C-alpha cells in the first residue's frame, strides 16, 4: 500500500497530477480541492494516496489533506455502489465538513445535487454513513458556513454536551433551542442544567 508520495510536481491539471519520486513519474487522480492546494510544476509536494488495484490497472488517487482522504475512504469502503471515481466526484462537489453536515442532517436534496449522485445514492449515503461521520458534524458545518454569534455558539455547545451524555441530537436541539428562546442571555452551563431538567 502506498500511503503518500513526496517529490517534484511534473504536471498539474485540475483532476490529474504527475509527480516524480526518485526518478519515477506517478500518475495520480486528484480532486479539485487538492489541485487548488498543490504548488506549480517544478516545486516539491507531498500527496496522501489511495491505491486501487484492479485486474487491468493499478490506479492512484491523491489528496492534499487527511480530511479529504478520510472522506474518500469513508465513501469507498462503506457505501455500496460508490467506487473511487464517484467518491472523487463527491469530493469535487462539496467540502468534507459540509458533506458530514449534510449526512447528519439527512439532506437528501443537497447530496443528490452532486455530480453522479442521484436520489437513491444520496439516501444510501445517509443511511450507511450517518453513524460513522460523528455527532458533531452538523455543528461543525454550521460553524463553518457562518460565524456564529456568542448566543448561537452557546446553543451549539449545549447541544454537543447533551449529545455526549447520550441524548439524541434532534431532542437535544429542540429542548436547547426552546430554552434559548425563553432566556436568550443564558450561559452554556445554565442551558445544559435546564435542558437536563426538561429532558
N, C-alpha and C. Protein backbone atom coordinates (compact mmCIF):
# COMPACT_ATOMS: atom_id res chain seq x y z
N UNK A 1 0.85 -1.20 0.00
CA UNK A 1 0.00 0.00 0.00
C UNK A 1 0.88 1.25 0.00
N UNK A 2 0.61 2.16 -0.91
CA UNK A 2 1.36 3.42 -0.96
C UNK A 2 0.58 4.45 -0.13
N UNK A 3 1.17 4.93 0.94
CA UNK A 3 0.47 5.85 1.84
C UNK A 3 0.58 7.30 1.41
N UNK A 4 1.76 7.67 0.91
CA UNK A 4 1.93 9.03 0.40
C UNK A 4 3.09 9.08 -0.58
N UNK A 5 3.14 10.17 -1.35
CA UNK A 5 4.25 10.41 -2.28
C UNK A 5 4.81 11.79 -2.00
N UNK A 6 6.14 11.90 -1.94
CA UNK A 6 6.78 13.21 -1.81
C UNK A 6 7.79 13.35 -2.94
N UNK A 7 7.61 14.39 -3.74
CA UNK A 7 8.52 14.55 -4.87
C UNK A 7 8.26 15.85 -5.61
N UNK A 8 8.72 15.91 -6.86
CA UNK A 8 8.60 17.12 -7.67
C UNK A 8 7.37 17.05 -8.56
N UNK A 9 6.59 18.10 -8.54
CA UNK A 9 5.41 18.17 -9.42
C UNK A 9 5.91 18.35 -10.86
N UNK A 10 5.52 17.42 -11.74
CA UNK A 10 5.94 17.47 -13.15
C UNK A 10 4.82 18.09 -13.98
N UNK A 11 3.60 17.65 -13.70
CA UNK A 11 2.44 18.15 -14.45
C UNK A 11 1.27 18.28 -13.48
N UNK A 12 0.53 19.37 -13.61
CA UNK A 12 -0.61 19.59 -12.70
C UNK A 12 -1.80 20.09 -13.49
N UNK A 13 -2.85 19.26 -13.51
CA UNK A 13 -4.10 19.61 -14.17
C UNK A 13 -5.22 19.51 -13.13
N UNK A 14 -6.40 20.10 -13.39
CA UNK A 14 -7.46 20.09 -12.37
C UNK A 14 -7.81 18.72 -11.78
N UNK A 15 -7.69 17.64 -12.54
CA UNK A 15 -8.05 16.33 -11.99
C UNK A 15 -6.89 15.33 -12.03
N UNK A 16 -5.70 15.82 -12.38
CA UNK A 16 -4.57 14.89 -12.59
C UNK A 16 -3.25 15.53 -12.19
N UNK A 17 -2.44 14.71 -11.55
CA UNK A 17 -1.11 15.16 -11.12
C UNK A 17 -0.09 14.12 -11.57
N UNK A 18 1.04 14.60 -12.12
CA UNK A 18 2.17 13.71 -12.34
C UNK A 18 3.26 14.20 -11.41
N UNK A 19 3.70 13.30 -10.51
CA UNK A 19 4.71 13.67 -9.52
C UNK A 19 5.90 12.71 -9.64
N UNK A 20 7.11 13.27 -9.68
CA UNK A 20 8.31 12.45 -9.83
C UNK A 20 8.91 12.18 -8.45
N UNK A 21 9.03 10.89 -8.15
CA UNK A 21 9.62 10.47 -6.88
C UNK A 21 10.77 9.52 -7.19
N UNK A 22 11.99 9.92 -6.84
CA UNK A 22 13.18 9.09 -7.07
C UNK A 22 13.26 8.58 -8.51
N UNK A 23 13.02 9.48 -9.46
CA UNK A 23 13.18 9.13 -10.87
C UNK A 23 11.99 8.43 -11.50
N UNK A 24 10.92 8.18 -10.71
CA UNK A 24 9.71 7.53 -11.24
C UNK A 24 8.57 8.55 -11.27
N UNK A 25 7.88 8.64 -12.41
CA UNK A 25 6.75 9.56 -12.52
C UNK A 25 5.45 8.84 -12.20
N UNK A 26 4.76 9.28 -11.15
CA UNK A 26 3.48 8.67 -10.76
C UNK A 26 2.32 9.51 -11.29
N UNK A 27 1.38 8.85 -11.95
CA UNK A 27 0.18 9.50 -12.47
C UNK A 27 -0.90 9.36 -11.38
N UNK A 28 -1.39 10.48 -10.87
CA UNK A 28 -2.31 10.45 -9.72
C UNK A 28 -3.60 11.21 -10.04
N UNK A 29 -4.74 10.57 -9.79
CA UNK A 29 -6.04 11.25 -9.92
C UNK A 29 -6.28 12.08 -8.67
N UNK A 30 -6.67 13.33 -8.83
CA UNK A 30 -6.86 14.21 -7.66
C UNK A 30 -8.20 14.95 -7.75
N UNK A 31 -8.78 15.32 -6.59
CA UNK A 31 -9.97 16.18 -6.62
C UNK A 31 -9.57 17.64 -6.81
N UNK A 32 -10.53 18.47 -7.18
CA UNK A 32 -10.25 19.89 -7.42
C UNK A 32 -9.71 20.59 -6.18
N UNK A 33 -10.19 20.16 -4.99
CA UNK A 33 -9.74 20.79 -3.74
C UNK A 33 -8.24 20.57 -3.54
N UNK A 34 -7.73 19.42 -3.97
CA UNK A 34 -6.30 19.13 -3.87
C UNK A 34 -5.52 19.94 -4.90
N UNK A 35 -6.07 20.02 -6.11
CA UNK A 35 -5.45 20.81 -7.19
C UNK A 35 -5.18 22.25 -6.71
N UNK A 36 -6.15 22.82 -6.02
CA UNK A 36 -6.02 24.21 -5.52
C UNK A 36 -4.88 24.37 -4.51
N UNK A 37 -4.55 23.27 -3.81
CA UNK A 37 -3.56 23.37 -2.73
C UNK A 37 -2.14 23.01 -3.17
N UNK A 38 -2.00 22.43 -4.35
CA UNK A 38 -0.67 21.96 -4.78
C UNK A 38 0.15 23.06 -5.44
N UNK A 39 1.49 23.00 -5.29
CA UNK A 39 2.35 24.01 -5.93
C UNK A 39 2.48 23.75 -7.44
N UNK A 40 3.01 24.72 -8.13
CA UNK A 40 3.18 24.64 -9.59
C UNK A 40 4.28 23.64 -9.96
N UNK A 41 4.26 23.15 -11.23
CA UNK A 41 5.31 22.22 -11.68
C UNK A 41 6.71 22.76 -11.40
N UNK A 42 7.60 21.82 -11.02
CA UNK A 42 8.97 22.19 -10.69
C UNK A 42 9.19 22.30 -9.19
N UNK A 43 8.09 22.39 -8.42
CA UNK A 43 8.22 22.52 -6.96
C UNK A 43 7.94 21.18 -6.27
N UNK A 44 8.40 21.08 -5.03
CA UNK A 44 8.21 19.87 -4.23
C UNK A 44 6.80 19.84 -3.64
N UNK A 45 6.24 18.63 -3.53
CA UNK A 45 4.91 18.48 -2.94
C UNK A 45 4.80 17.11 -2.27
N UNK A 46 3.86 17.03 -1.34
CA UNK A 46 3.55 15.74 -0.72
C UNK A 46 2.06 15.50 -0.88
N UNK A 47 1.69 14.32 -1.39
CA UNK A 47 0.27 13.97 -1.51
C UNK A 47 0.01 12.65 -0.79
N UNK A 48 -1.07 12.62 -0.03
CA UNK A 48 -1.52 11.38 0.61
C UNK A 48 -2.22 10.57 -0.48
N UNK A 49 -2.09 9.26 -0.46
CA UNK A 49 -2.61 8.48 -1.58
C UNK A 49 -3.49 7.31 -1.16
N UNK A 50 -4.27 6.86 -2.13
CA UNK A 50 -5.05 5.63 -2.02
C UNK A 50 -4.77 4.86 -3.31
N UNK A 51 -4.40 3.59 -3.18
CA UNK A 51 -4.09 2.77 -4.35
C UNK A 51 -5.25 1.80 -4.60
N UNK A 52 -5.84 1.90 -5.78
CA UNK A 52 -6.90 0.97 -6.17
C UNK A 52 -6.28 -0.07 -7.09
N UNK A 53 -6.38 -1.35 -6.70
CA UNK A 53 -5.83 -2.43 -7.51
C UNK A 53 -6.97 -3.10 -8.27
N UNK A 54 -6.93 -2.97 -9.61
CA UNK A 54 -7.94 -3.62 -10.45
C UNK A 54 -7.25 -4.69 -11.28
N UNK A 55 -8.04 -5.51 -11.94
CA UNK A 55 -7.46 -6.57 -12.78
C UNK A 55 -6.62 -5.98 -13.90
N UNK A 56 -7.10 -4.85 -14.45
CA UNK A 56 -6.42 -4.29 -15.63
C UNK A 56 -5.48 -3.12 -15.32
N UNK A 57 -5.48 -2.64 -14.05
CA UNK A 57 -4.63 -1.48 -13.73
C UNK A 57 -4.50 -1.25 -12.24
N UNK A 58 -3.43 -0.54 -11.88
CA UNK A 58 -3.27 -0.03 -10.52
C UNK A 58 -3.48 1.47 -10.63
N UNK A 59 -4.46 2.02 -9.90
CA UNK A 59 -4.81 3.43 -10.05
C UNK A 59 -4.56 4.16 -8.73
N UNK A 60 -3.82 5.28 -8.82
CA UNK A 60 -3.51 6.07 -7.63
C UNK A 60 -4.44 7.28 -7.54
N UNK A 61 -4.93 7.53 -6.33
CA UNK A 61 -5.72 8.73 -6.05
C UNK A 61 -4.96 9.53 -5.00
N UNK A 62 -4.87 10.84 -5.19
CA UNK A 62 -4.08 11.67 -4.28
C UNK A 62 -4.88 12.77 -3.62
N UNK A 63 -4.46 13.14 -2.40
CA UNK A 63 -5.18 14.14 -1.61
C UNK A 63 -4.21 15.04 -0.86
N UNK A 64 -4.56 16.32 -0.78
CA UNK A 64 -3.69 17.28 -0.10
C UNK A 64 -3.84 17.17 1.42
N UNK A 65 -5.02 16.75 1.89
CA UNK A 65 -5.24 16.69 3.36
C UNK A 65 -5.77 15.32 3.77
N UNK A 66 -5.53 14.99 5.03
CA UNK A 66 -6.03 13.72 5.58
C UNK A 66 -7.56 13.72 5.59
N UNK A 67 -8.16 14.89 5.79
CA UNK A 67 -9.62 15.01 5.84
C UNK A 67 -10.24 14.57 4.51
N UNK A 68 -9.62 15.00 3.40
CA UNK A 68 -10.12 14.62 2.07
C UNK A 68 -9.99 13.11 1.86
N UNK A 69 -8.83 12.58 2.24
CA UNK A 69 -8.62 11.13 2.05
C UNK A 69 -9.56 10.32 2.94
N UNK A 70 -9.81 10.80 4.16
CA UNK A 70 -10.71 10.10 5.08
C UNK A 70 -12.12 10.02 4.51
N UNK A 71 -12.58 11.14 3.92
CA UNK A 71 -13.92 11.15 3.32
C UNK A 71 -13.97 10.18 2.13
N UNK A 72 -12.92 10.18 1.32
CA UNK A 72 -12.82 9.27 0.17
C UNK A 72 -12.93 7.81 0.65
N UNK A 73 -12.14 7.47 1.68
CA UNK A 73 -12.18 6.10 2.23
C UNK A 73 -13.55 5.76 2.79
N UNK A 74 -14.15 6.71 3.48
CA UNK A 74 -15.48 6.52 4.07
C UNK A 74 -16.49 6.13 3.00
N UNK A 75 -16.46 6.84 1.88
CA UNK A 75 -17.39 6.56 0.78
C UNK A 75 -17.10 5.23 0.10
N UNK A 76 -15.84 5.00 -0.24
CA UNK A 76 -15.46 3.79 -0.99
C UNK A 76 -15.66 2.52 -0.15
N UNK A 77 -15.33 2.60 1.15
CA UNK A 77 -15.37 1.41 2.00
C UNK A 77 -16.73 1.12 2.63
N UNK A 78 -17.62 2.12 2.69
CA UNK A 78 -18.86 1.92 3.44
C UNK A 78 -20.16 2.05 2.66
N UNK A 79 -20.12 2.67 1.48
CA UNK A 79 -21.36 2.87 0.73
C UNK A 79 -21.37 1.98 -0.51
N UNK A 80 -22.32 1.03 -0.53
CA UNK A 80 -22.39 0.12 -1.68
C UNK A 80 -22.75 0.92 -2.94
N UNK A 81 -22.08 0.59 -4.02
CA UNK A 81 -22.35 1.28 -5.29
C UNK A 81 -21.48 2.50 -5.52
N UNK A 82 -20.64 2.87 -4.53
CA UNK A 82 -19.75 4.01 -4.73
C UNK A 82 -18.31 3.51 -4.85
N UNK A 83 -17.74 3.75 -6.03
CA UNK A 83 -16.35 3.39 -6.28
C UNK A 83 -15.48 4.64 -6.21
N UNK A 84 -14.17 4.49 -6.45
CA UNK A 84 -13.25 5.63 -6.36
C UNK A 84 -13.61 6.81 -7.24
N UNK A 85 -14.10 6.53 -8.47
CA UNK A 85 -14.41 7.65 -9.39
C UNK A 85 -15.55 8.51 -8.86
N UNK A 86 -16.60 7.84 -8.36
CA UNK A 86 -17.74 8.59 -7.83
C UNK A 86 -17.36 9.30 -6.53
N UNK A 87 -16.53 8.65 -5.71
CA UNK A 87 -16.07 9.28 -4.46
C UNK A 87 -15.29 10.56 -4.78
N UNK A 88 -14.49 10.51 -5.84
CA UNK A 88 -13.73 11.69 -6.27
C UNK A 88 -14.68 12.80 -6.74
N UNK A 89 -15.74 12.39 -7.45
CA UNK A 89 -16.73 13.37 -7.92
C UNK A 89 -17.43 14.05 -6.74
N UNK A 90 -17.69 13.29 -5.68
CA UNK A 90 -18.31 13.85 -4.47
C UNK A 90 -17.37 14.89 -3.86
N UNK A 91 -16.09 14.53 -3.76
CA UNK A 91 -15.09 15.47 -3.22
C UNK A 91 -14.98 16.74 -4.07
N UNK A 92 -15.20 16.60 -5.38
CA UNK A 92 -15.15 17.77 -6.26
C UNK A 92 -16.31 18.72 -6.01
N UNK A 93 -17.41 18.17 -5.50
CA UNK A 93 -18.62 18.98 -5.37
C UNK A 93 -18.90 19.55 -4.00
N UNK A 94 -18.20 19.07 -2.97
CA UNK A 94 -18.55 19.51 -1.61
C UNK A 94 -17.34 19.37 -0.69
N UNK A 95 -17.20 20.30 0.24
CA UNK A 95 -16.11 20.24 1.22
C UNK A 95 -16.43 19.15 2.25
N UNK A 96 -15.40 18.46 2.78
CA UNK A 96 -15.67 17.38 3.75
C UNK A 96 -16.55 17.80 4.92
N UNK A 97 -16.33 18.99 5.47
CA UNK A 97 -17.13 19.42 6.63
C UNK A 97 -18.59 19.62 6.24
N UNK A 98 -18.84 20.16 5.05
CA UNK A 98 -20.21 20.36 4.57
C UNK A 98 -20.87 19.01 4.26
N UNK A 99 -20.07 18.07 3.74
CA UNK A 99 -20.59 16.72 3.45
C UNK A 99 -21.06 16.05 4.73
N UNK A 100 -20.21 16.09 5.77
CA UNK A 100 -20.59 15.45 7.04
C UNK A 100 -21.86 16.09 7.62
N UNK A 101 -21.94 17.42 7.50
CA UNK A 101 -23.13 18.13 7.99
C UNK A 101 -24.38 17.69 7.24
N UNK A 102 -24.26 17.53 5.91
CA UNK A 102 -25.41 17.11 5.10
C UNK A 102 -25.85 15.69 5.45
N UNK A 103 -24.89 14.81 5.74
CA UNK A 103 -25.22 13.42 6.10
C UNK A 103 -25.97 13.40 7.43
N UNK A 104 -25.45 14.10 8.43
CA UNK A 104 -26.09 14.10 9.75
C UNK A 104 -27.47 14.75 9.69
N UNK A 105 -27.60 15.79 8.86
CA UNK A 105 -28.89 16.48 8.74
C UNK A 105 -29.88 15.72 7.85
N UNK A 106 -29.40 14.65 7.17
CA UNK A 106 -30.27 13.88 6.29
C UNK A 106 -30.69 14.67 5.05
N UNK A 107 -29.79 15.50 4.55
CA UNK A 107 -30.09 16.39 3.42
C UNK A 107 -29.99 15.66 2.08
N UNK A 108 -31.04 14.89 1.75
CA UNK A 108 -31.05 14.11 0.51
C UNK A 108 -30.99 15.04 -0.71
N UNK A 109 -31.77 16.12 -0.67
CA UNK A 109 -31.82 17.06 -1.81
C UNK A 109 -30.45 17.65 -2.09
N UNK A 110 -29.74 18.07 -1.03
CA UNK A 110 -28.41 18.67 -1.18
C UNK A 110 -27.41 17.68 -1.75
N UNK A 111 -27.40 16.45 -1.23
CA UNK A 111 -26.44 15.44 -1.69
C UNK A 111 -26.74 14.98 -3.11
N UNK A 112 -28.05 14.91 -3.46
CA UNK A 112 -28.37 14.42 -4.81
C UNK A 112 -28.06 15.44 -5.90
N UNK A 113 -27.67 16.68 -5.51
CA UNK A 113 -27.25 17.67 -6.49
C UNK A 113 -25.80 17.43 -6.94
N UNK A 114 -25.06 16.62 -6.17
CA UNK A 114 -23.67 16.34 -6.52
C UNK A 114 -23.61 15.50 -7.80
N UNK A 115 -22.61 15.76 -8.63
CA UNK A 115 -22.48 15.06 -9.92
C UNK A 115 -22.36 13.55 -9.71
N UNK A 116 -23.22 12.81 -10.38
CA UNK A 116 -23.17 11.35 -10.30
C UNK A 116 -23.94 10.76 -9.13
N UNK A 117 -24.46 11.62 -8.24
CA UNK A 117 -25.20 11.14 -7.07
C UNK A 117 -26.69 11.44 -7.27
N UNK A 118 -27.48 10.40 -7.50
CA UNK A 118 -28.92 10.58 -7.63
C UNK A 118 -29.59 10.48 -6.27
N UNK A 119 -30.91 10.52 -6.27
CA UNK A 119 -31.67 10.46 -5.01
C UNK A 119 -31.40 9.16 -4.25
N UNK A 120 -31.40 8.03 -4.99
CA UNK A 120 -31.19 6.72 -4.34
C UNK A 120 -29.81 6.64 -3.68
N UNK A 121 -28.79 7.11 -4.41
CA UNK A 121 -27.42 7.07 -3.86
C UNK A 121 -27.31 7.99 -2.65
N UNK A 122 -27.94 9.16 -2.72
CA UNK A 122 -27.93 10.10 -1.59
C UNK A 122 -28.56 9.46 -0.36
N UNK A 123 -29.67 8.76 -0.56
CA UNK A 123 -30.34 8.07 0.56
C UNK A 123 -29.42 7.00 1.15
N UNK A 124 -28.74 6.26 0.25
CA UNK A 124 -27.82 5.20 0.70
C UNK A 124 -26.66 5.78 1.51
N UNK A 125 -26.12 6.91 1.02
CA UNK A 125 -25.02 7.58 1.71
C UNK A 125 -25.45 7.94 3.14
N UNK A 126 -26.64 8.54 3.27
CA UNK A 126 -27.12 8.98 4.58
C UNK A 126 -27.34 7.78 5.51
N UNK A 127 -28.00 6.74 5.01
CA UNK A 127 -28.28 5.55 5.83
C UNK A 127 -26.98 4.89 6.29
N UNK A 128 -26.03 4.75 5.35
CA UNK A 128 -24.83 3.97 5.66
C UNK A 128 -23.74 4.77 6.39
N UNK A 129 -23.79 6.10 6.30
CA UNK A 129 -22.72 6.89 6.92
C UNK A 129 -23.13 7.70 8.15
N UNK A 130 -24.44 7.84 8.37
CA UNK A 130 -24.90 8.72 9.46
C UNK A 130 -24.21 8.42 10.79
N UNK A 131 -24.08 7.13 11.13
CA UNK A 131 -23.46 6.76 12.41
C UNK A 131 -21.94 6.86 12.39
N UNK A 132 -21.37 7.02 11.19
CA UNK A 132 -19.90 7.00 11.10
C UNK A 132 -19.26 8.37 11.02
N UNK A 133 -20.03 9.42 10.69
CA UNK A 133 -19.40 10.72 10.47
C UNK A 133 -19.22 11.53 11.76
N UNK A 134 -19.75 11.06 12.88
CA UNK A 134 -19.54 11.78 14.14
C UNK A 134 -20.67 12.73 14.46
N UNK A 135 -21.04 12.77 15.73
CA UNK A 135 -22.20 13.56 16.15
C UNK A 135 -22.00 15.06 16.01
N UNK A 136 -20.76 15.51 16.00
CA UNK A 136 -20.53 16.95 15.95
C UNK A 136 -20.51 17.51 14.53
N UNK A 137 -20.68 16.62 13.53
CA UNK A 137 -20.52 17.06 12.13
C UNK A 137 -21.46 18.19 11.73
N UNK A 138 -22.72 18.09 12.11
CA UNK A 138 -23.68 19.13 11.71
C UNK A 138 -23.31 20.48 12.30
N UNK A 139 -22.82 20.44 13.53
CA UNK A 139 -22.48 21.70 14.20
C UNK A 139 -21.20 22.28 13.63
N UNK A 140 -20.25 21.41 13.27
CA UNK A 140 -19.03 21.86 12.57
C UNK A 140 -19.42 22.57 11.28
N UNK A 141 -20.33 21.95 10.53
CA UNK A 141 -20.75 22.50 9.25
C UNK A 141 -21.43 23.85 9.44
N UNK A 142 -22.27 23.93 10.46
CA UNK A 142 -22.97 25.19 10.73
C UNK A 142 -21.97 26.29 11.08
N UNK A 143 -20.98 25.93 11.88
CA UNK A 143 -19.96 26.91 12.29
C UNK A 143 -19.12 27.34 11.10
N UNK A 144 -18.83 26.39 10.20
CA UNK A 144 -18.01 26.72 9.03
C UNK A 144 -18.78 27.59 8.04
N UNK A 145 -20.08 27.35 7.94
CA UNK A 145 -20.90 28.08 6.97
C UNK A 145 -21.05 29.55 7.34
N UNK A 146 -21.09 29.80 8.63
CA UNK A 146 -21.25 31.20 9.06
C UNK A 146 -20.65 31.37 10.44
N UNK A 147 -20.08 32.53 10.70
CA UNK A 147 -19.54 32.78 12.03
C UNK A 147 -20.74 32.92 12.96
N UNK A 148 -20.76 32.12 14.01
CA UNK A 148 -21.90 32.14 14.91
C UNK A 148 -21.79 33.26 15.94
N UNK A 149 -22.94 33.81 16.30
CA UNK A 149 -22.95 34.81 17.37
C UNK A 149 -22.66 34.08 18.68
N UNK A 150 -22.21 34.79 19.74
CA UNK A 150 -21.94 34.10 21.02
C UNK A 150 -23.15 33.31 21.52
N UNK A 151 -24.36 33.86 21.34
CA UNK A 151 -25.57 33.15 21.81
C UNK A 151 -25.76 31.85 21.03
N UNK A 152 -25.56 31.90 19.70
CA UNK A 152 -25.70 30.69 18.87
C UNK A 152 -24.63 29.66 19.25
N UNK A 153 -23.44 30.16 19.57
CA UNK A 153 -22.35 29.26 19.98
C UNK A 153 -22.72 28.55 21.27
N UNK A 154 -23.39 29.28 22.19
CA UNK A 154 -23.86 28.68 23.45
C UNK A 154 -24.83 27.54 23.16
N UNK A 155 -25.75 27.79 22.23
CA UNK A 155 -26.73 26.76 21.86
C UNK A 155 -25.99 25.53 21.32
N UNK A 156 -25.05 25.75 20.41
CA UNK A 156 -24.28 24.64 19.83
C UNK A 156 -23.53 23.85 20.90
N UNK A 157 -22.84 24.58 21.78
CA UNK A 157 -22.06 23.91 22.83
C UNK A 157 -22.95 23.10 23.76
N UNK A 158 -24.11 23.65 24.09
CA UNK A 158 -25.04 22.94 24.97
C UNK A 158 -25.57 21.67 24.30
N UNK A 159 -25.89 21.78 23.01
CA UNK A 159 -26.40 20.60 22.27
C UNK A 159 -25.32 19.52 22.21
N UNK A 160 -24.09 19.92 21.90
CA UNK A 160 -22.99 18.94 21.84
C UNK A 160 -22.78 18.25 23.19
N UNK A 161 -22.89 19.02 24.27
CA UNK A 161 -22.73 18.44 25.61
C UNK A 161 -23.81 17.40 25.87
N UNK A 162 -25.04 17.69 25.50
CA UNK A 162 -26.14 16.75 25.71
C UNK A 162 -25.97 15.49 24.85
N UNK A 163 -25.51 15.69 23.61
CA UNK A 163 -25.27 14.53 22.74
C UNK A 163 -24.21 13.62 23.36
N UNK A 164 -23.16 14.24 23.90
CA UNK A 164 -22.08 13.44 24.50
C UNK A 164 -22.56 12.70 25.75
N UNK A 165 -23.67 13.18 26.35
CA UNK A 165 -24.25 12.49 27.51
C UNK A 165 -25.21 11.38 27.08
N UNK A 166 -25.40 11.24 25.76
CA UNK A 166 -26.22 10.13 25.27
C UNK A 166 -27.59 10.51 24.76
N UNK A 167 -27.93 11.80 24.80
CA UNK A 167 -29.24 12.22 24.29
C UNK A 167 -29.22 12.28 22.76
N UNK A 168 -30.39 12.08 22.15
CA UNK A 168 -30.48 12.15 20.68
C UNK A 168 -30.31 13.59 20.23
N UNK A 169 -29.64 13.75 19.09
CA UNK A 169 -29.34 15.08 18.56
C UNK A 169 -30.61 15.92 18.35
N UNK A 170 -31.64 15.30 17.77
CA UNK A 170 -32.89 16.02 17.47
C UNK A 170 -33.53 16.53 18.75
N UNK A 171 -33.61 15.64 19.77
CA UNK A 171 -34.24 16.01 21.05
C UNK A 171 -33.44 17.12 21.73
N UNK A 172 -32.11 16.95 21.75
CA UNK A 172 -31.25 17.94 22.41
C UNK A 172 -31.41 19.30 21.76
N UNK A 173 -31.43 19.32 20.45
CA UNK A 173 -31.54 20.59 19.72
C UNK A 173 -32.86 21.28 20.01
N UNK A 174 -33.94 20.48 20.00
CA UNK A 174 -35.29 21.03 20.23
C UNK A 174 -35.38 21.68 21.61
N UNK A 175 -34.93 20.96 22.64
CA UNK A 175 -35.03 21.45 24.02
C UNK A 175 -34.15 22.69 24.23
N UNK A 176 -32.90 22.63 23.78
CA UNK A 176 -31.98 23.76 23.98
C UNK A 176 -32.47 25.00 23.22
N UNK A 177 -32.95 24.79 22.00
CA UNK A 177 -33.46 25.91 21.20
C UNK A 177 -34.63 26.59 21.92
N UNK A 178 -35.56 25.79 22.47
CA UNK A 178 -36.72 26.33 23.19
C UNK A 178 -36.27 27.11 24.43
N UNK A 179 -35.31 26.56 25.16
CA UNK A 179 -34.79 27.23 26.36
C UNK A 179 -34.10 28.54 25.99
N UNK A 180 -33.35 28.50 24.90
CA UNK A 180 -32.63 29.70 24.45
C UNK A 180 -33.61 30.83 24.09
N UNK A 181 -34.74 30.46 23.49
CA UNK A 181 -35.73 31.48 23.13
C UNK A 181 -36.37 32.10 24.37
N UNK A 182 -36.55 31.26 25.42
CA UNK A 182 -37.12 31.78 26.68
C UNK A 182 -36.15 32.69 27.40
N UNK A 183 -34.89 32.25 27.48
CA UNK A 183 -33.86 33.03 28.20
C UNK A 183 -32.65 33.24 27.31
N UNK A 184 -32.70 34.23 26.41
CA UNK A 184 -31.64 34.44 25.40
C UNK A 184 -30.24 34.66 25.99
N UNK A 185 -30.16 35.19 27.20
CA UNK A 185 -28.84 35.50 27.77
C UNK A 185 -28.23 34.38 28.58
N UNK A 186 -28.84 33.19 28.58
CA UNK A 186 -28.37 32.09 29.42
C UNK A 186 -26.98 31.61 29.01
N UNK A 187 -26.19 31.21 30.01
CA UNK A 187 -24.84 30.67 29.75
C UNK A 187 -24.98 29.22 29.27
N UNK A 188 -23.88 28.66 28.76
CA UNK A 188 -23.88 27.25 28.32
C UNK A 188 -24.27 26.35 29.49
N UNK A 189 -23.65 26.61 30.66
CA UNK A 189 -23.91 25.78 31.85
C UNK A 189 -25.39 25.81 32.21
N UNK A 190 -25.98 27.02 32.17
CA UNK A 190 -27.39 27.18 32.52
C UNK A 190 -28.29 26.42 31.52
N UNK A 191 -27.94 26.55 30.24
CA UNK A 191 -28.72 25.85 29.21
C UNK A 191 -28.68 24.33 29.41
N UNK A 192 -27.48 23.82 29.73
CA UNK A 192 -27.32 22.37 29.94
C UNK A 192 -28.14 21.93 31.16
N UNK A 193 -28.01 22.70 32.25
CA UNK A 193 -28.71 22.37 33.50
C UNK A 193 -30.22 22.33 33.27
N UNK A 194 -30.74 23.39 32.64
CA UNK A 194 -32.20 23.48 32.39
C UNK A 194 -32.66 22.39 31.41
N UNK A 195 -31.81 22.10 30.43
CA UNK A 195 -32.17 21.06 29.45
C UNK A 195 -32.25 19.69 30.12
N UNK A 196 -31.31 19.41 31.01
CA UNK A 196 -31.32 18.13 31.73
C UNK A 196 -32.59 17.99 32.57
N UNK A 197 -33.01 19.08 33.19
CA UNK A 197 -34.26 19.07 33.97
C UNK A 197 -35.44 18.79 33.05
N UNK A 198 -35.46 19.49 31.90
CA UNK A 198 -36.57 19.37 30.97
C UNK A 198 -36.65 17.98 30.32
N UNK A 199 -35.49 17.35 30.14
CA UNK A 199 -35.46 16.06 29.46
C UNK A 199 -35.63 14.90 30.44
